[in-house]
Amino acid sequence: MNRGEQLKKTLEYNLEIIREYSGQVELCLVNFIKDAEGEAIHNWLKRLAGREGFRYFFSRNLTVWHASVAKNTAHMQGAGCFLVNLDCDNYLSRGLVDGLLGLPDDVRDNTVFSGFTGGFREEITKHKSKSVRLRQALAWLLACLKSRQPGVRGVKRKPVLLRSVRQGSDRHFNGTYGHIGLPATLFHYLGGYDESLPPMGGQDKNLLWRAYNIAGVTLTHIPVPQDCIPVENTKIESMKHTDLSSGWSQLQLEGTALTLNAIRDRRLIANNGCPGGVAVEKCK
């Protein structure tokens, strides 16, 4: 929504990268129009709509910004087997594309990707949710009662593990938190970005953590190179279309708390398993 200044710096470059991978990579862009500035961006993007590997969509159905809704809308237009979020202020790197395309199919089909440039550490901790432990105990007891095999009652219950990613950056602005990707099948299974979260702050971490906690899913980290660092912008710019009085830091805290509760309670599926978003029109 009204990201014309960033797009004018990143889009031409990104389309040139995509052209080099003819038929393997495409860029789906959704313009959420709410005012004259959005219409001006729309007129500019229409002239680029015929470029190879570029599919442009627009919508007038999102007048108040909600990051999860917007990202779900864009991801639902993707036709590929692997979906990567690329915010308007982000540049696409050849190393990233080569890294993902170079993964064996069976690995890529079970991989969640992050291009974050700062500190990056995977963590595994024991689950401490009482509700989960209770459900596990009841399920174990039911299995014992139903089973007639000897020794079942002696089976030890394995602790539920919580998998998370700690990200940190010493840069005042780091626009690569949202540079994540996952198989399209996994995205749809998870229900996409959680639209019950605050309009901004934490939606990327939420999707990354939920995906990473699905059994069998691995995490691939391919940091964005220094020559592809995102265009800098302020949180004030990001927040001005949300109609919220809360500050960015408060939204971040709320989003993180909701994510932790969801992971601890194993509520990994969002939006009832159906990514929402809003209706769009394709520019032909």
Foldseek 3Di string as FASTA:
>chain_A
DLPQVLLVVAVVQQLVLVVVVAPQAAAEEEQADADPSSVVSVVVVLVVCVRGRYWYWYHPPPQFFAPQQRQLQRLVPDPDQKDWDADSQFHDDPQVVCVLVVDPPVQQQQEKEFQFAFDKDKDKDFQDDPVQVVVQVVVLVVCVVPDPDPPSVVDDDDTQMFMAMDGDHPDPDAPRLQGMMGGPVLCLQQLHFARVAQSDAQRSRLLRRLSCSDPPHDYYYNHDDPVGGGDDDDVCVVNVRNPDPDDRVVSNVRNVVVSVVCRSNVVRHHPVSHHHHDDIGISD
